Amino acid sequence: MKQGWEIKKLGEVCEIVGGSTPKTNESSCWDGEHFWVTPAELDGAKYISSTSRKITDEGVKLAHLQLLPSGTVLLSSRAPIGKVAITKIPMYCNQGFKNLVCSNKLNNEYAYWFLYHNTEYLYSLGTGATFKEISKRVVEQIPIPVPPISEQEHIVEELDLLSGVIEKKRQQLKELDN
C-alpha cells in the first residue's frame, strides 16, 4: 500500500443510514413533496436526481426516516445487493439500502467507485435464507483503502474518464451491430 494510505472501516469514515417504507395503504403518507428511492430505481447511472414516488411530511414522520443529503452514496443492501448511485438532491429511501454519508476523510465519488467495483465481495457478505441481505453492522465493518483526499480526487477523475471511454465504445459497438 502506498505511503499515506490507510485501511479504514466504512463506519469510521461514513455514517451508515438506512430507510423504511411508510404504510402503503395510508394515503396521507404518499404523493407528497419528498423524494423517496427504492433499489429498483438504480439503473446503473452514477447519479440519481429524481424518484418515481414521493412521500409527505406525515410519511417521513411515521416511518421515522432520516433525510439523505445531496452527495449520499446509495448502496442497495438486498434485492439486489450492490447497486450504487450518488444522490444529486436530498431524498429518503426504503429499507433496501445501507447508505454512506461520507465524512471529510472520504470523497463520496471515491466511495462510489470502491463499492461499484466490489459488487461480488458485497454480495458475499450477505446472509439470509429467503434472500440475501447485508446489515448495517456488516457495512460499517467493510475495509476500504483511504488515500489522502487529493489522491482520492485524482482516482475519481481517472475512473470517470475511463468510464466515459468505455461507454463511448459500447455505443459505437451498438451502432456497428445495428
Protein backbone atom coordinates (compact mmCIF):
# COMPACT_ATOMS: atom_id res chain seq x y z
CA MET A 1 0.00 0.00 0.00
CA LYS A 2 1.23 3.48 -0.83
CA GLN A 3 2.62 5.80 1.80
CA GLY A 4 -0.08 7.98 3.36
CA TRP A 5 -2.84 5.47 2.64
CA GLU A 6 -4.75 3.85 5.46
CA ILE A 7 -7.20 0.98 5.71
CA LYS A 8 -10.34 2.16 7.48
CA LYS A 9 -13.71 0.58 8.13
CA LEU A 10 -16.57 2.31 6.32
CA GLY A 11 -18.17 3.04 9.70
CA GLU A 12 -15.08 5.05 10.66
CA VAL A 13 -15.27 7.37 7.65
CA CYS A 14 -19.03 7.39 6.94
CA GLU A 15 -22.32 7.46 8.72
CA ILE A 16 -24.31 4.44 7.54
CA VAL A 17 -28.00 5.31 7.15
CA GLY A 18 -30.92 3.03 6.31
CA GLY A 19 -34.51 3.74 5.43
CA SER A 20 -38.01 2.38 5.61
CA THR A 21 -41.36 2.41 3.87
CA PRO A 22 -44.35 4.40 5.08
CA LYS A 23 -47.58 2.38 5.20
CA THR A 24 -48.60 1.92 1.60
CA ASN A 25 -52.32 1.93 2.44
CA GLU A 26 -52.06 5.26 4.26
CA SER A 27 -52.80 7.92 1.65
CA SER A 28 -51.59 10.72 3.93
CA CYS A 29 -48.05 9.34 3.53
CA TRP A 30 -47.86 9.40 -0.28
CA ASP A 31 -47.81 11.83 -3.20
CA GLY A 32 -46.01 14.49 -1.20
CA GLU A 33 -43.03 16.68 -1.86
CA HIS A 34 -40.16 14.48 -0.62
CA PHE A 35 -38.25 12.19 -2.99
CA TRP A 36 -38.20 8.53 -1.85
CA VAL A 37 -36.00 6.00 -3.66
CA THR A 38 -36.05 2.19 -3.96
CA PRO A 39 -33.28 -0.11 -5.27
CA ALA A 40 -35.31 -0.75 -8.44
CA GLU A 41 -34.70 2.88 -9.45
CA LEU A 42 -30.92 2.48 -9.54
CA ASP A 43 -30.35 1.85 -13.24
CA GLY A 44 -26.57 1.88 -13.48
CA ALA A 45 -26.24 5.66 -13.68
CA LYS A 46 -23.72 7.22 -11.32
CA TYR A 47 -26.16 9.88 -10.12
CA ILE A 48 -29.84 9.96 -9.22
CA SER A 49 -31.76 13.23 -9.20
CA SER A 50 -35.41 12.17 -9.05
CA THR A 51 -37.57 9.29 -7.91
CA SER A 52 -40.79 7.81 -9.18
CA ARG A 53 -42.52 8.14 -5.81
CA LYS A 54 -42.69 10.93 -3.29
CA ILE A 55 -43.76 10.94 0.33
CA THR A 56 -45.30 13.53 2.64
CA ASP A 57 -44.09 15.02 5.92
CA GLU A 58 -46.50 12.60 7.60
CA GLY A 59 -44.86 9.67 5.79
CA VAL A 60 -41.42 10.84 6.92
CA LYS A 61 -42.61 11.12 10.50
CA LEU A 62 -44.49 7.81 10.65
CA ALA A 63 -41.66 5.85 9.01
CA HIS A 64 -39.00 7.55 11.21
CA LEU A 65 -36.96 8.43 8.13
CA GLN A 66 -33.65 10.30 8.10
CA LEU A 67 -33.03 12.71 5.22
CA LEU A 68 -30.15 11.68 2.99
CA PRO A 69 -28.25 14.81 1.95
CA SER A 70 -27.18 15.50 -1.59
CA GLY A 71 -23.99 13.55 -2.23
CA THR A 72 -25.03 10.48 -0.25
CA VAL A 73 -23.77 7.20 -1.72
CA LEU A 74 -26.76 4.88 -2.05
CA LEU A 75 -25.94 1.18 -1.58
CA SER A 76 -28.65 -1.42 -2.12
CA SER A 77 -28.37 -3.99 0.64
CA ARG A 78 -30.92 -6.52 -0.63
CA ALA A 79 -32.80 -7.47 -3.77
CA PRO A 80 -30.12 -6.99 -5.12
CA ILE A 81 -27.02 -6.31 -3.04
CA GLY A 82 -24.52 -3.88 -4.50
CA LYS A 83 -26.33 -1.39 -6.74
CA VAL A 84 -24.87 2.08 -6.16
CA ALA A 85 -25.58 5.69 -7.06
CA ILE A 86 -24.96 9.15 -5.65
CA THR A 87 -27.85 11.46 -4.75
CA LYS A 88 -27.88 14.80 -6.56
CA ILE A 89 -30.69 16.05 -4.32
CA PRO A 90 -31.78 15.32 -0.74
CA MET A 91 -34.07 12.28 -0.53
CA TYR A 92 -35.34 9.46 1.62
CA CYS A 93 -35.15 5.73 0.91
CA ASN A 94 -36.80 2.41 1.66
CA GLN A 95 -35.36 -0.40 3.80
CA GLY A 96 -33.43 -1.89 0.86
CA PHE A 97 -30.44 0.39 1.44
CA LYS A 98 -27.47 0.98 3.70
CA ASN A 99 -26.25 4.40 2.57
CA LEU A 100 -22.97 6.22 3.09
CA VAL A 101 -22.93 9.82 4.26
CA CYS A 102 -19.21 10.42 3.88
CA SER A 103 -17.09 12.39 6.33
CA ASN A 104 -14.44 14.86 5.19
CA LYS A 105 -11.94 11.94 5.12
CA LEU A 106 -13.73 10.11 2.30
CA ASN A 107 -14.70 11.54 -1.08
CA ASN A 108 -18.20 10.30 -1.91
CA GLU A 109 -17.30 9.59 -5.54
CA TYR A 110 -14.26 7.57 -4.42
CA ALA A 111 -16.59 5.58 -2.13
CA TYR A 112 -18.98 5.10 -5.07
CA TRP A 113 -16.24 3.66 -7.29
CA PHE A 114 -14.95 1.44 -4.48
CA LEU A 115 -18.41 -0.07 -3.97
CA TYR A 116 -19.14 -0.22 -7.71
CA HIS A 117 -16.05 -2.34 -8.31
CA ASN A 118 -16.65 -4.63 -5.33
CA THR A 119 -20.16 -5.93 -6.04
CA GLU A 120 -19.16 -9.60 -5.79
CA TYR A 121 -17.46 -9.00 -2.45
CA LEU A 122 -20.52 -7.14 -1.15
CA TYR A 123 -22.78 -9.98 -2.27
CA SER A 124 -20.54 -12.49 -0.47
CA LEU A 125 -21.22 -10.63 2.79
CA GLY A 126 -24.98 -11.17 2.51
CA THR A 127 -26.85 -13.55 4.77
CA GLY A 128 -30.38 -14.90 4.80
CA ALA A 129 -32.37 -17.91 3.67
CA THR A 130 -35.12 -16.35 1.55
CA PHE A 131 -32.95 -13.59 0.07
CA LYS A 132 -29.51 -12.31 0.94
CA GLU A 133 -29.09 -9.01 2.73
CA ILE A 134 -26.19 -7.11 4.26
CA SER A 135 -26.77 -5.44 7.61
CA LYS A 136 -25.71 -2.01 8.79
CA ARG A 137 -23.19 -3.65 11.12
CA VAL A 138 -21.63 -5.55 8.21
CA VAL A 139 -21.41 -2.41 6.03
CA GLU A 140 -19.79 -0.49 8.90
CA GLN A 141 -17.05 -3.17 9.08
CA ILE A 142 -16.16 -3.19 5.35
CA PRO A 143 -12.49 -2.24 4.96
CA ILE A 144 -11.66 0.50 2.46
CA PRO A 145 -8.26 1.86 1.43
CA VAL A 146 -8.25 5.58 2.21
CA PRO A 147 -5.59 7.66 0.48
CA PRO A 148 -5.29 11.41 1.11
CA ILE A 149 -8.26 13.36 -0.31
CA SER A 150 -6.19 14.78 -3.19
CA GLU A 151 -5.34 11.23 -4.32
CA GLN A 152 -8.98 10.16 -3.94
CA GLU A 153 -9.98 13.04 -6.23
CA HIS A 154 -7.32 12.04 -8.78
CA ILE A 155 -8.52 8.41 -8.72
CA VAL A 156 -12.11 9.60 -9.28
CA GLU A 157 -11.03 11.73 -12.26
CA GLU A 158 -9.25 8.74 -13.83
CA LEU A 159 -12.14 6.34 -13.24
CA ASP A 160 -14.69 8.85 -14.57
CA LEU A 161 -12.54 9.32 -17.70
CA LEU A 162 -12.19 5.56 -18.23
CA SER A 163 -15.89 5.03 -17.63
CA GLY A 164 -16.69 7.65 -20.27
CA VAL A 165 -14.38 5.97 -22.80
CA ILE A 166 -15.93 2.56 -22.09
CA GLU A 167 -19.44 3.96 -22.53
CA LYS A 168 -18.49 5.59 -25.86
CA LYS A 169 -17.05 2.28 -27.08
CA ARG A 170 -20.23 0.45 -26.03
CA GLN A 171 -22.31 2.94 -28.01
CA GLN A 172 -20.04 2.53 -31.03
CA LEU A 173 -20.35 -1.28 -30.85
CA LYS A 174 -24.13 -0.97 -30.58
CA GLU A 175 -24.21 1.27 -33.66
CA LEU A 176 -21.99 -1.18 -35.57
CA ASP A 177 -24.28 -4.06 -34.60
CA ASN A 178 -27.26 -2.12 -35.94
